[in-house]
Amino acid sequence: MKKFMQLLKNEKVEWKTLGEVCEIKRGKINAKYFNYKGDGKYPVYSSQTFNNGEVGRTNEYDYDGEYITYTTDGAYAGTVFIRQGKFSITRNCGLIYSRSNKLLNKFIGYWLSENTKKYLQGSKERPKLMSGIVSKIKIPIPSLKAQEKIVQILDKLSNLKNELNQKLKIELNSRIKQYEYYRDKLLSEEYLNKITYNLTHDTHTHTQNHNEFSINSNKILPENAEISLDQYSNSINKKFIWELTIWDKKFSGVKSYKQKMFININTF
């Protein structure tokens, strides 16, 4: 509301309730009996916010032009949409349009978007915004020129927001597809068989290298020498040296931080 009022700064306004200057109605379609799988020409909007509030389509319509719709009850109560064209709405959706030639419908829509939430009634689990309350909401009415200027500014911001949301949606879908590709690849029978083979092969190689090292350890390590593992990283597998040293009972007396750094031949 503060941002909206900033746009009205230095503008002379007249305050009116929506009931004084607008027509406020409820939708006609009973959502319980509506065919949601319909493939008609015109959208049907409900109280939901997903998919711009559209729940289906029909070949008939109740409204044609520029209107404001809002969610009357439920989790999304107070959510406002600016509608244009031919459409219908369900009974749990409210509709507003200006009766005055001094008030633009889009201006009403942007004002309500900033203000409806504070007029919600009912419980937190089931909030409501009934027509009787909406009719009492006050709206500032500046000159038509000022309204057009404000609407133009807010249209640009709204379009930018929608554009960014669309880009984020595309990016998210790309990441989901990327994840699904690698997930399916990693869980494929071909890849799992390859991993199983590599693990089996590595186990065999580990056993063979350990036996060779045990037999020839005196030739590899100088007598009574303290050596760094890094010095022998090119010729000896570090993992096998580590495993060999911790197997020796005498080596268990050496502090752990020294075990990782050095191997002392005298402890063998």
C-alpha atoms as a PDB file:
ATOM      1  CA  MET A   1       0.000   0.000   0.000  1.00  0.00           C
ATOM      2  CA  LYS A   2       2.883   2.372   0.773  1.00  0.00           C
ATOM      3  CA  LYS A   3       4.323   1.894  -2.710  1.00  0.00           C
ATOM      4  CA  PHE A   4       0.929   2.536  -4.277  1.00  0.00           C
ATOM      5  CA  MET A   5       0.443   5.684  -2.210  1.00  0.00           C
ATOM      6  CA  GLN A   6       3.852   6.926  -3.371  1.00  0.00           C
ATOM      7  CA  LEU A   7       2.511   6.872  -6.916  1.00  0.00           C
ATOM      8  CA  LEU A   8      -0.386   9.031  -5.726  1.00  0.00           C
ATOM      9  CA  LYS A   9       1.911  11.560  -4.114  1.00  0.00           C
ATOM     10  CA  ASN A  10       0.923  15.162  -4.965  1.00  0.00           C
ATOM     11  CA  GLU A  11      -2.257  13.897  -6.618  1.00  0.00           C
ATOM     12  CA  LYS A  12      -5.655  15.148  -5.535  1.00  0.00           C
ATOM     13  CA  VAL A  13      -7.825  12.134  -4.743  1.00  0.00           C
ATOM     14  CA  GLU A  14     -11.388  11.427  -3.731  1.00  0.00           C
ATOM     15  CA  TRP A  15     -11.999   8.452  -1.445  1.00  0.00           C
ATOM     16  CA  LYS A  16     -14.995   6.208  -2.155  1.00  0.00           C
ATOM     17  CA  THR A  17     -16.029   2.714  -1.063  1.00  0.00           C
ATOM     18  CA  LEU A  18     -16.103   0.054  -3.768  1.00  0.00           C
ATOM     19  CA  GLY A  19     -19.819  -0.374  -3.095  1.00  0.00           C
ATOM     20  CA  GLU A  20     -20.380   3.223  -4.161  1.00  0.00           C
ATOM     21  CA  VAL A  21     -18.527   3.060  -7.474  1.00  0.00           C
ATOM     22  CA  CYS A  22     -18.370  -0.631  -8.446  1.00  0.00           C
ATOM     23  CA  GLU A  23     -20.551  -3.605  -9.244  1.00  0.00           C
ATOM     24  CA  ILE A  24     -19.671  -6.601  -7.071  1.00  0.00           C
ATOM     25  CA  LYS A  25     -20.903 -10.089  -8.004  1.00  0.00           C
ATOM     26  CA  ARG A  26     -20.269 -13.795  -7.508  1.00  0.00           C
ATOM     27  CA  GLY A  27     -19.726 -16.387 -10.218  1.00  0.00           C
ATOM     28  CA  LYS A  28     -22.574 -18.475 -11.644  1.00  0.00           C
ATOM     29  CA  ILE A  29     -20.949 -21.850 -12.338  1.00  0.00           C
ATOM     30  CA  ASN A  30     -21.267 -24.544  -9.696  1.00  0.00           C
ATOM     31  CA  ALA A  31     -17.800 -26.099  -9.501  1.00  0.00           C
ATOM     32  CA  LYS A  32     -19.246 -29.435  -8.340  1.00  0.00           C
ATOM     33  CA  TYR A  33     -21.047 -29.997 -11.632  1.00  0.00           C
ATOM     34  CA  PHE A  34     -18.612 -28.379 -14.002  1.00  0.00           C
ATOM     35  CA  ASN A  35     -16.912 -30.561 -16.613  1.00  0.00           C
ATOM     36  CA  TYR A  36     -13.229 -29.898 -15.908  1.00  0.00           C
ATOM     37  CA  LYS A  37     -12.142 -31.923 -18.932  1.00  0.00           C
ATOM     38  CA  GLY A  38     -13.974 -29.625 -21.331  1.00  0.00           C
ATOM     39  CA  ASP A  39     -12.029 -28.366 -24.353  1.00  0.00           C
ATOM     40  CA  GLY A  40     -14.129 -25.294 -25.152  1.00  0.00           C
ATOM     41  CA  LYS A  41     -13.046 -21.896 -26.442  1.00  0.00           C
ATOM     42  CA  TYR A  42     -13.397 -19.844 -23.286  1.00  0.00           C
ATOM     43  CA  PRO A  43     -11.718 -20.196 -19.870  1.00  0.00           C
ATOM     44  CA  VAL A  44     -13.510 -20.824 -16.603  1.00  0.00           C
ATOM     45  CA  TYR A  45     -11.813 -19.349 -13.537  1.00  0.00           C
ATOM     46  CA  SER A  46     -12.194 -20.524  -9.959  1.00  0.00           C
ATOM     47  CA  SER A  47     -10.760 -19.654  -6.542  1.00  0.00           C
ATOM     48  CA  GLN A  48      -7.477 -21.432  -7.226  1.00  0.00           C
ATOM     49  CA  THR A  49      -4.331 -19.545  -8.271  1.00  0.00           C
ATOM     50  CA  PHE A  50      -2.550 -22.310 -10.197  1.00  0.00           C
ATOM     51  CA  ASN A  51      -2.641 -21.913 -13.981  1.00  0.00           C
ATOM     52  CA  ASN A  52      -3.821 -18.317 -13.591  1.00  0.00           C
ATOM     53  CA  GLY A  53      -6.933 -19.622 -11.841  1.00  0.00           C
ATOM     54  CA  GLU A  54      -8.227 -21.475 -14.902  1.00  0.00           C
ATOM     55  CA  VAL A  55      -9.907 -24.798 -14.078  1.00  0.00           C
ATOM     56  CA  GLY A  56     -11.355 -25.649 -17.463  1.00  0.00           C
ATOM     57  CA  ARG A  57     -12.894 -24.325 -20.643  1.00  0.00           C
ATOM     58  CA  THR A  58     -16.370 -24.054 -22.122  1.00  0.00           C
ATOM     59  CA  ASN A  59     -18.004 -22.939 -25.344  1.00  0.00           C
ATOM     60  CA  GLU A  60     -20.146 -20.406 -23.502  1.00  0.00           C
ATOM     61  CA  TYR A  61     -19.146 -17.338 -21.503  1.00  0.00           C
ATOM     62  CA  ASP A  62     -20.729 -15.025 -18.927  1.00  0.00           C
ATOM     63  CA  TYR A  63     -18.479 -11.972 -19.221  1.00  0.00           C
ATOM     64  CA  ASP A  64     -16.788 -10.144 -22.068  1.00  0.00           C
ATOM     65  CA  GLY A  65     -14.410  -7.249 -21.397  1.00  0.00           C
ATOM     66  CA  GLU A  66     -12.086  -6.082 -18.630  1.00  0.00           C
ATOM     67  CA  TYR A  67     -12.978  -7.190 -15.098  1.00  0.00           C
ATOM     68  CA  ILE A  68     -11.436  -7.889 -11.715  1.00  0.00           C
ATOM     69  CA  THR A  69     -11.840 -11.315 -10.114  1.00  0.00           C
ATOM     70  CA  TYR A  70     -10.857 -12.364  -6.613  1.00  0.00           C
ATOM     71  CA  THR A  71     -10.851 -15.523  -4.525  1.00  0.00           C
ATOM     72  CA  THR A  72     -13.644 -15.393  -1.960  1.00  0.00           C
ATOM     73  CA  ASP A  73     -12.601 -18.122   0.471  1.00  0.00           C
ATOM     74  CA  GLY A  74     -10.006 -20.772   1.200  1.00  0.00           C
ATOM     75  CA  ALA A  75      -6.221 -20.702   1.364  1.00  0.00           C
ATOM     76  CA  TYR A  76      -5.970 -18.153  -1.469  1.00  0.00           C
ATOM     77  CA  ALA A  77      -8.741 -15.831  -0.312  1.00  0.00           C
ATOM     78  CA  GLY A  78      -8.098 -12.249  -1.377  1.00  0.00           C
ATOM     79  CA  THR A  79      -5.985 -13.134  -4.419  1.00  0.00           C
ATOM     80  CA  VAL A  80      -6.806 -10.682  -7.215  1.00  0.00           C
ATOM     81  CA  PHE A  81      -6.648 -11.102 -11.004  1.00  0.00           C
ATOM     82  CA  ILE A  82      -7.236  -8.622 -13.822  1.00  0.00           C
ATOM     83  CA  ARG A  83      -9.231 -10.434 -16.511  1.00  0.00           C
ATOM     84  CA  GLN A  84      -9.741  -9.508 -20.129  1.00  0.00           C
ATOM     85  CA  GLY A  85     -11.793 -11.098 -22.901  1.00  0.00           C
ATOM     86  CA  LYS A  86     -14.553 -13.675 -22.739  1.00  0.00           C
ATOM     87  CA  PHE A  87     -14.704 -15.947 -19.682  1.00  0.00           C
ATOM     88  CA  SER A  88     -16.820 -17.382 -16.869  1.00  0.00           C
ATOM     89  CA  ILE A  89     -16.197 -17.830 -13.138  1.00  0.00           C
ATOM     90  CA  THR A  90     -17.332 -20.310 -10.507  1.00  0.00           C
ATOM     91  CA  ARG A  91     -19.401 -19.432  -7.446  1.00  0.00           C
ATOM     92  CA  ASN A  92     -16.384 -19.269  -5.146  1.00  0.00           C
ATOM     93  CA  CYS A  93     -14.930 -16.465  -7.247  1.00  0.00           C
ATOM     94  CA  GLY A  94     -15.917 -12.795  -6.935  1.00  0.00           C
ATOM     95  CA  LEU A  95     -16.149 -10.258  -9.744  1.00  0.00           C
ATOM     96  CA  ILE A  96     -15.785  -6.463  -9.701  1.00  0.00           C
ATOM     97  CA  TYR A  97     -16.078  -3.789 -12.375  1.00  0.00           C
ATOM     98  CA  SER A  98     -16.414  -0.012 -12.306  1.00  0.00           C
ATOM     99  CA  ARG A  99     -19.778   1.707 -12.682  1.00  0.00           C
ATOM    100  CA  SER A 100     -18.091   5.083 -12.872  1.00  0.00           C
ATOM    101  CA  ASN A 101     -16.534   6.687 -15.934  1.00  0.00           C
ATOM    102  CA  LYS A 102     -14.001   8.231 -13.551  1.00  0.00           C
ATOM    103  CA  LEU A 103     -12.516   4.932 -12.377  1.00  0.00           C
ATOM    104  CA  LEU A 104     -10.509   2.438 -14.451  1.00  0.00           C
ATOM    105  CA  ASN A 105     -10.931  -1.289 -13.842  1.00  0.00           C
ATOM    106  CA  LYS A 106      -7.189  -1.907 -13.926  1.00  0.00           C
ATOM    107  CA  PHE A 107      -6.657   0.788 -11.344  1.00  0.00           C
ATOM    108  CA  ILE A 108      -9.163  -1.020  -9.107  1.00  0.00           C
ATOM    109  CA  GLY A 109      -7.346  -4.311  -9.688  1.00  0.00           C
ATOM    110  CA  TYR A 110      -3.935  -2.971  -8.743  1.00  0.00           C
ATOM    111  CA  TRP A 111      -5.320  -1.227  -5.661  1.00  0.00           C
ATOM    112  CA  LEU A 112      -7.066  -4.383  -4.449  1.00  0.00           C
ATOM    113  CA  SER A 113      -3.953  -6.478  -5.048  1.00  0.00           C
ATOM    114  CA  GLU A 114      -2.231  -4.359  -2.413  1.00  0.00           C
ATOM    115  CA  ASN A 115      -5.091  -4.272   0.086  1.00  0.00           C
ATOM    116  CA  THR A 116      -7.447  -7.270   0.133  1.00  0.00           C
ATOM    117  CA  LYS A 117      -5.422  -9.446   2.515  1.00  0.00           C
ATOM    118  CA  LYS A 118      -5.995  -7.133   5.476  1.00  0.00           C
ATOM    119  CA  TYR A 119      -9.775  -7.468   5.061  1.00  0.00           C
ATOM    120  CA  LEU A 120      -9.882 -11.250   5.346  1.00  0.00           C
ATOM    121  CA  GLN A 121     -12.235 -12.749   7.913  1.00  0.00           C
ATOM    122  CA  GLY A 122     -12.794 -16.222   9.313  1.00  0.00           C
ATOM    123  CA  SER A 123     -10.133 -18.564  10.665  1.00  0.00           C
ATOM    124  CA  LYS A 124      -6.522 -18.844   9.519  1.00  0.00           C
ATOM    125  CA  GLU A 125      -7.344 -22.285   8.138  1.00  0.00           C
ATOM    126  CA  ARG A 126     -10.390 -21.003   6.220  1.00  0.00           C
ATOM    127  CA  PRO A 127     -10.139 -17.254   5.551  1.00  0.00           C
ATOM    128  CA  LYS A 128     -12.927 -15.484   3.661  1.00  0.00           C
ATOM    129  CA  LEU A 129     -13.468 -12.299   1.703  1.00  0.00           C
ATOM    130  CA  MET A 130     -17.203 -11.849   1.252  1.00  0.00           C
ATOM    131  CA  SER A 131     -18.948  -9.323  -0.996  1.00  0.00           C
ATOM    132  CA  GLY A 132     -20.270  -7.352   1.975  1.00  0.00           C
ATOM    133  CA  ILE A 133     -16.724  -6.698   3.172  1.00  0.00           C
ATOM    134  CA  VAL A 134     -15.384  -5.923  -0.304  1.00  0.00           C
ATOM    135  CA  SER A 135     -18.096  -3.299  -0.801  1.00  0.00           C
ATOM    136  CA  LYS A 136     -16.770  -1.400   2.242  1.00  0.00           C
ATOM    137  CA  ILE A 137     -13.159  -1.244   1.072  1.00  0.00           C
ATOM    138  CA  LYS A 138     -12.195   2.354   0.337  1.00  0.00           C
ATOM    139  CA  ILE A 139     -10.317   3.307  -2.806  1.00  0.00           C
ATOM    140  CA  PRO A 140      -8.604   6.591  -3.729  1.00  0.00           C
ATOM    141  CA  ILE A 141      -9.795   8.054  -7.027  1.00  0.00           C
ATOM    142  CA  PRO A 142      -7.335  10.472  -8.663  1.00  0.00           C
ATOM    143  CA  SER A 143      -7.824  11.998 -12.107  1.00  0.00           C
ATOM    144  CA  LEU A 144      -8.136   9.647 -15.085  1.00  0.00           C
ATOM    145  CA  LYS A 145      -4.804  10.940 -16.370  1.00  0.00           C
ATOM    146  CA  ALA A 146      -3.126   9.993 -13.082  1.00  0.00           C
ATOM    147  CA  GLN A 147      -4.842   6.585 -13.095  1.00  0.00           C
ATOM    148  CA  GLU A 148      -3.635   5.880 -16.630  1.00  0.00           C
ATOM    149  CA  LYS A 149      -0.082   6.858 -15.677  1.00  0.00           C
ATOM    150  CA  ILE A 150      -0.112   4.630 -12.584  1.00  0.00           C
ATOM    151  CA  VAL A 151      -1.618   1.711 -14.518  1.00  0.00           C
ATOM    152  CA  GLN A 152       1.047   2.103 -17.196  1.00  0.00           C
ATOM    153  CA  ILE A 153       3.828   1.956 -14.594  1.00  0.00           C
ATOM    154  CA  LEU A 154       2.315  -1.049 -12.821  1.00  0.00           C
ATOM    155  CA  ASP A 155       1.679  -2.832 -16.138  1.00  0.00           C
ATOM    156  CA  LYS A 156       5.400  -2.615 -16.933  1.00  0.00           C
ATOM    157  CA  LEU A 157       6.327  -3.946 -13.506  1.00  0.00           C
ATOM    158  CA  SER A 158       3.761  -6.736 -13.802  1.00  0.00           C
ATOM    159  CA  ASN A 159       5.021  -7.720 -17.261  1.00  0.00           C
ATOM    160  CA  LEU A 160       8.604  -7.747 -15.991  1.00  0.00           C
ATOM    161  CA  LYS A 161       7.594  -9.940 -13.052  1.00  0.00           C
ATOM    162  CA  ASN A 162       5.744 -12.356 -15.351  1.00  0.00           C
ATOM    163  CA  GLU A 163       8.715 -12.461 -17.709  1.00  0.00           C
ATOM    164  CA  LEU A 164      11.108 -13.277 -14.871  1.00  0.00           C
ATOM    165  CA  ASN A 165       8.744 -15.934 -13.518  1.00  0.00           C
ATOM    166  CA  GLN A 166       8.532 -17.494 -16.974  1.00  0.00           C
ATOM    167  CA  LYS A 167      12.325 -17.580 -17.297  1.00  0.00           C
ATOM    168  CA  LEU A 168      12.616 -19.152 -13.852  1.00  0.00           C
ATOM    169  CA  LYS A 169       9.989 -21.707 -14.819  1.00  0.00           C
ATOM    170  CA  ILE A 170      11.879 -22.598 -18.012  1.00  0.00           C
ATOM    171  CA  GLU A 171      15.160 -22.851 -16.063  1.00  0.00           C
ATOM    172  CA  LEU A 172      13.526 -25.050 -13.423  1.00  0.00           C
ATOM    173  CA  ASN A 173      12.062 -27.358 -16.068  1.00  0.00           C
ATOM    174  CA  SER A 174      15.486 -27.629 -17.713  1.00  0.00           C
ATOM    175  CA  ARG A 175      17.088 -28.579 -14.399  1.00  0.00           C
ATOM    176  CA  ILE A 176      14.358 -31.150 -13.732  1.00  0.00           C
ATOM    177  CA  LYS A 177      14.927 -32.727 -17.150  1.00  0.00           C
ATOM    178  CA  GLN A 178      18.677 -32.730 -16.530  1.00  0.00           C
ATOM    179  CA  TYR A 179      18.188 -34.427 -13.159  1.00  0.00           C
ATOM    180  CA  GLU A 180      15.834 -37.030 -14.645  1.00  0.00           C
ATOM    181  CA  TYR A 181      18.323 -37.775 -17.442  1.00  0.00           C
ATOM    182  CA  TYR A 182      21.233 -38.460 -15.079  1.00  0.00           C
ATOM    183  CA  ARG A 183      19.009 -40.280 -12.602  1.00  0.00           C
ATOM    184  CA  ASP A 184      17.764 -42.649 -15.303  1.00  0.00           C
ATOM    185  CA  LYS A 185      21.299 -43.108 -16.627  1.00  0.00           C
ATOM    186  CA  LEU A 186      22.732 -43.908 -13.190  1.00  0.00           C
ATOM    187  CA  LEU A 187      19.931 -46.363 -12.461  1.00  0.00           C
ATOM    188  CA  SER A 188      20.041 -48.035 -15.869  1.00  0.00           C
ATOM    189  CA  GLU A 189      20.855 -51.753 -16.016  1.00  0.00           C
ATOM    190  CA  GLU A 190      23.855 -51.083 -18.272  1.00  0.00           C
ATOM    191  CA  TYR A 191      25.434 -48.594 -15.856  1.00  0.00           C
ATOM    192  CA  LEU A 192      24.753 -50.723 -12.770  1.00  0.00           C
ATOM    193  CA  ASN A 193      26.341 -53.754 -14.458  1.00  0.00           C
ATOM    194  CA  LYS A 194      29.374 -51.618 -15.290  1.00  0.00           C
ATOM    195  CA  ILE A 195      29.710 -50.438 -11.679  1.00  0.00           C
ATOM    196  CA  THR A 196      29.342 -53.984 -10.374  1.00  0.00           C
ATOM    197  CA  TYR A 197      32.093 -55.177 -12.716  1.00  0.00           C
ATOM    198  CA  ASN A 198      34.441 -52.347 -11.683  1.00  0.00           C
ATOM    199  CA  LEU A 199      33.895 -53.018  -7.982  1.00  0.00           C
ATOM    200  CA  THR A 200      34.590 -56.733  -8.450  1.00  0.00           C
ATOM    201  CA  HIS A 201      37.706 -55.987 -10.498  1.00  0.00           C
ATOM    202  CA  ASP A 202      38.994 -53.451  -7.936  1.00  0.00           C
ATOM    203  CA  THR A 203      38.545 -55.961  -5.083  1.00  0.00           C
ATOM    204  CA  HIS A 204      40.606 -58.541  -6.957  1.00  0.00           C
ATOM    205  CA  THR A 205      43.345 -55.980  -7.690  1.00  0.00           C
ATOM    206  CA  HIS A 206      43.388 -54.839  -4.055  1.00  0.00           C
ATOM    207  CA  THR A 207      43.930 -58.398  -2.784  1.00  0.00           C
ATOM    208  CA  GLN A 208      46.681 -59.049  -5.294  1.00  0.00           C
ATOM    209  CA  ASN A 209      48.528 -55.794  -4.530  1.00  0.00           C
ATOM    210  CA  HIS A 210      48.273 -56.356  -0.765  1.00  0.00           C
ATOM    211  CA  ASN A 211      49.827 -59.821  -1.039  1.00  0.00           C
ATOM    212  CA  GLU A 212      52.643 -58.525  -3.218  1.00  0.00           C
ATOM    213  CA  PHE A 213      53.322 -55.691  -0.786  1.00  0.00           C
ATOM    214  CA  SER A 214      53.377 -58.025   2.233  1.00  0.00           C
ATOM    215  CA  ILE A 215      55.930 -60.268   0.576  1.00  0.00           C
ATOM    216  CA  ASN A 216      58.208 -57.506  -0.701  1.00  0.00           C
ATOM    217  CA  SER A 217      57.750 -54.874   2.025  1.00  0.00           C
ATOM    218  CA  ASN A 218      61.396 -55.084   3.167  1.00  0.00           C
ATOM    219  CA  LYS A 219      62.551 -54.247  -0.341  1.00  0.00           C
ATOM    220  CA  ILE A 220      60.247 -51.264  -0.692  1.00  0.00           C
ATOM    221  CA  LEU A 221      60.927 -49.518   2.637  1.00  0.00           C
ATOM    222  CA  PRO A 222      64.439 -48.615   3.851  1.00  0.00           C
ATOM    223  CA  GLU A 223      65.421 -50.125   7.196  1.00  0.00           C
ATOM    224  CA  ASN A 224      64.862 -47.965  10.323  1.00  0.00           C
ATOM    225  CA  ALA A 225      63.671 -45.057   8.188  1.00  0.00           C
ATOM    226  CA  GLU A 226      60.809 -42.690   8.889  1.00  0.00           C
ATOM    227  CA  ILE A 227      59.062 -42.040   5.581  1.00  0.00           C
ATOM    228  CA  SER A 228      56.250 -39.800   4.368  1.00  0.00           C
ATOM    229  CA  LEU A 229      53.398 -41.403   2.519  1.00  0.00           C
ATOM    230  CA  ASP A 230      53.580 -38.688  -0.121  1.00  0.00           C
ATOM    231  CA  GLN A 231      57.177 -39.731  -0.961  1.00  0.00           C
ATOM    232  CA  TYR A 232      55.988 -43.151  -2.014  1.00  0.00           C
ATOM    233  CA  SER A 233      52.660 -42.200  -3.601  1.00  0.00           C
ATOM    234  CA  ASN A 234      53.922 -42.966  -7.091  1.00  0.00           C
ATOM    235  CA  SER A 235      55.110 -46.496  -6.323  1.00  0.00           C
ATOM    236  CA  ILE A 236      52.881 -47.636  -3.444  1.00  0.00           C
ATOM    237  CA  ASN A 237      49.123 -47.403  -3.074  1.00  0.00           C
ATOM    238  CA  LYS A 238      48.516 -45.311   0.060  1.00  0.00           C
ATOM    239  CA  LYS A 239      45.419 -47.219   0.981  1.00  0.00           C
ATOM    240  CA  PHE A 240      47.292 -50.536   1.132  1.00  0.00           C
ATOM    241  CA  ILE A 241      50.117 -49.070   3.270  1.00  0.00           C
ATOM    242  CA  TRP A 242      47.568 -47.625   5.679  1.00  0.00           C
ATOM    243  CA  GLU A 243      45.717 -50.917   5.979  1.00  0.00           C
ATOM    244  CA  LEU A 244      48.978 -52.819   6.530  1.00  0.00           C
ATOM    245  CA  THR A 245      50.157 -50.512   9.329  1.00  0.00           C
ATOM    246  CA  ILE A 246      46.921 -50.570  11.319  1.00  0.00           C
ATOM    247  CA  TRP A 247      46.926 -54.374  11.201  1.00  0.00           C
ATOM    248  CA  ASP A 248      50.212 -54.461  13.163  1.00  0.00           C
ATOM    249  CA  LYS A 249      49.488 -54.493  16.918  1.00  0.00           C
ATOM    250  CA  LYS A 250      52.663 -52.547  17.708  1.00  0.00           C
ATOM    251  CA  PHE A 251      51.500 -49.749  15.429  1.00  0.00           C
ATOM    252  CA  SER A 252      48.315 -49.285  17.424  1.00  0.00           C
ATOM    253  CA  GLY A 253      50.316 -47.480  20.120  1.00  0.00           C
ATOM    254  CA  VAL A 254      51.207 -44.635  17.785  1.00  0.00           C
ATOM    255  CA  LYS A 255      48.961 -41.581  17.990  1.00  0.00           C
ATOM    256  CA  SER A 256      46.376 -41.367  15.216  1.00  0.00           C
ATOM    257  CA  TYR A 257      47.547 -38.046  13.805  1.00  0.00           C
ATOM    258  CA  LYS A 258      51.068 -39.465  13.435  1.00  0.00           C
ATOM    259  CA  GLN A 259      49.767 -42.621  11.815  1.00  0.00           C
ATOM    260  CA  LYS A 260      48.375 -40.592   8.949  1.00  0.00           C
ATOM    261  CA  MET A 261      51.644 -38.746   8.409  1.00  0.00           C
ATOM    262  CA  PHE A 262      54.390 -41.315   8.868  1.00  0.00           C
ATOM    263  CA  ILE A 263      55.218 -44.988   8.926  1.00  0.00           C
ATOM    264  CA  ASN A 264      58.074 -45.926  11.237  1.00  0.00           C
ATOM    265  CA  ILE A 265      59.755 -49.177  10.256  1.00  0.00           C
ATOM    266  CA  ASN A 266      60.766 -49.878  13.869  1.00  0.00           C
ATOM    267  CA  THR A 267      57.128 -50.387  14.829  1.00  0.00           C
ATOM    268  CA  PHE A 268      56.801 -53.425  12.551  1.00  0.00           C
END
